[in-house]
């Protein structure tokens, strides 16, 4: 059975304030930087048989996806 790296730690989730900071930083970054951040987050979210992605990694992936969706025609 797959397990998280750190079992139910509150530290592996971003707070609302941290999430807003990530969003604001990505919103002002160059598109190439956002794409690189997205690829990195996507890699960290890849499902593996021995572990699941952390909530933080998924939160970061979603934020990058939201920014890319708004910027791409």
C-alpha atoms as a PDB file:
ATOM      1  CA  UNK A   1       0.000   0.000   0.000  1.00  0.00           C
ATOM      2  CA  UNK A   2       1.264   3.454  -0.906  1.00  0.00           C
ATOM      3  CA  UNK A   3       2.104   5.792   1.926  1.00  0.00           C
ATOM      4  CA  UNK A   4       2.937   9.434   2.148  1.00  0.00           C
ATOM      5  CA  UNK A   5       6.465  10.429   2.948  1.00  0.00           C
ATOM      6  CA  UNK A   6       5.376  12.074   6.167  1.00  0.00           C
ATOM      7  CA  UNK A   7       2.238  10.584   7.641  1.00  0.00           C
ATOM      8  CA  UNK A   8      -0.438  13.267   8.222  1.00  0.00           C
ATOM      9  CA  UNK A   9       1.939  16.075   9.116  1.00  0.00           C
ATOM     10  CA  UNK A  10       0.370  19.504   9.083  1.00  0.00           C
ATOM     11  CA  UNK A  11       3.697  20.858   7.775  1.00  0.00           C
ATOM     12  CA  UNK A  12       3.247  19.258   4.374  1.00  0.00           C
ATOM     13  CA  UNK A  13       0.272  21.524   3.550  1.00  0.00           C
ATOM     14  CA  UNK A  14       0.457  25.166   2.585  1.00  0.00           C
ATOM     15  CA  UNK A  15      -1.494  27.634   4.690  1.00  0.00           C
ATOM     16  CA  UNK A  16      -3.827  30.092   2.952  1.00  0.00           C
ATOM     17  CA  UNK A  17      -1.198  32.795   3.308  1.00  0.00           C
ATOM     18  CA  UNK A  18       1.567  30.609   1.860  1.00  0.00           C
ATOM     19  CA  UNK A  19      -0.724  29.565  -0.979  1.00  0.00           C
ATOM     20  CA  UNK A  20      -1.430  33.217  -1.773  1.00  0.00           C
ATOM     21  CA  UNK A  21       2.312  33.960  -1.750  1.00  0.00           C
ATOM     22  CA  UNK A  22       2.962  31.131  -4.236  1.00  0.00           C
ATOM     23  CA  UNK A  23       0.127  32.379  -6.432  1.00  0.00           C
ATOM     24  CA  UNK A  24       1.340  35.993  -6.344  1.00  0.00           C
ATOM     25  CA  UNK A  25       4.922  34.966  -7.086  1.00  0.00           C
ATOM     26  CA  UNK A  26       3.821  32.865 -10.070  1.00  0.00           C
ATOM     27  CA  UNK A  27       1.468  35.589 -11.313  1.00  0.00           C
ATOM     28  CA  UNK A  28       4.366  38.035 -11.619  1.00  0.00           C
ATOM     29  CA  UNK A  29       6.902  35.548 -13.004  1.00  0.00           C
ATOM     30  CA  UNK A  30       7.832  35.081 -16.648  1.00  0.00           C
ATOM     31  CA  UNK A  31       5.823  32.431 -18.480  1.00  0.00           C
ATOM     32  CA  UNK A  32       8.941  30.254 -18.895  1.00  0.00           C
ATOM     33  CA  UNK A  33       9.489  30.302 -15.123  1.00  0.00           C
ATOM     34  CA  UNK A  34       5.863  29.326 -14.492  1.00  0.00           C
ATOM     35  CA  UNK A  35       6.173  26.477 -16.998  1.00  0.00           C
ATOM     36  CA  UNK A  36       9.330  25.240 -15.281  1.00  0.00           C
ATOM     37  CA  UNK A  37       7.613  25.434 -11.882  1.00  0.00           C
ATOM     38  CA  UNK A  38       4.645  23.501 -13.317  1.00  0.00           C
ATOM     39  CA  UNK A  39       6.908  20.767 -14.738  1.00  0.00           C
ATOM     40  CA  UNK A  40       8.690  20.431 -11.411  1.00  0.00           C
ATOM     41  CA  UNK A  41       5.414  20.250  -9.481  1.00  0.00           C
ATOM     42  CA  UNK A  42       3.998  17.781 -12.012  1.00  0.00           C
ATOM     43  CA  UNK A  43       7.045  15.546 -11.543  1.00  0.00           C
ATOM     44  CA  UNK A  44       6.621  15.656  -7.744  1.00  0.00           C
ATOM     45  CA  UNK A  45       2.937  14.709  -8.146  1.00  0.00           C
ATOM     46  CA  UNK A  46       3.579  11.660 -10.310  1.00  0.00           C
ATOM     47  CA  UNK A  47       2.071   8.577  -8.714  1.00  0.00           C
ATOM     48  CA  UNK A  48       4.563   5.957  -7.643  1.00  0.00           C
ATOM     49  CA  UNK A  49       3.805   2.500  -6.273  1.00  0.00           C
ATOM     50  CA  UNK A  50       5.679   3.220  -3.037  1.00  0.00           C
ATOM     51  CA  UNK A  51       4.450   6.736  -2.160  1.00  0.00           C
ATOM     52  CA  UNK A  52       1.766   9.338  -2.814  1.00  0.00           C
ATOM     53  CA  UNK A  53       2.381  13.013  -3.551  1.00  0.00           C
ATOM     54  CA  UNK A  54       2.197  15.390  -0.636  1.00  0.00           C
ATOM     55  CA  UNK A  55      -0.691  17.858  -0.342  1.00  0.00           C
ATOM     56  CA  UNK A  56       1.844  20.682  -0.739  1.00  0.00           C
ATOM     57  CA  UNK A  57       3.020  19.338  -4.095  1.00  0.00           C
ATOM     58  CA  UNK A  58      -0.558  19.094  -5.342  1.00  0.00           C
ATOM     59  CA  UNK A  59      -1.351  22.619  -4.104  1.00  0.00           C
ATOM     60  CA  UNK A  60       1.689  23.966  -5.967  1.00  0.00           C
ATOM     61  CA  UNK A  61       0.719  22.079  -9.142  1.00  0.00           C
ATOM     62  CA  UNK A  62      -2.804  23.512  -9.031  1.00  0.00           C
ATOM     63  CA  UNK A  63      -1.541  27.071  -8.521  1.00  0.00           C
ATOM     64  CA  UNK A  64       0.844  26.785 -11.479  1.00  0.00           C
ATOM     65  CA  UNK A  65      -1.923  25.281 -13.614  1.00  0.00           C
ATOM     66  CA  UNK A  66      -4.264  28.156 -12.749  1.00  0.00           C
ATOM     67  CA  UNK A  67      -1.667  30.745 -13.772  1.00  0.00           C
ATOM     68  CA  UNK A  68      -0.857  28.920 -17.017  1.00  0.00           C
ATOM     69  CA  UNK A  69      -4.534  28.577 -17.867  1.00  0.00           C
ATOM     70  CA  UNK A  70      -5.050  32.327 -17.491  1.00  0.00           C
ATOM     71  CA  UNK A  71      -1.975  33.287 -19.504  1.00  0.00           C
ATOM     72  CA  UNK A  72      -2.318  30.861 -22.390  1.00  0.00           C
ATOM     73  CA  UNK A  73      -4.617  31.864 -25.255  1.00  0.00           C
END
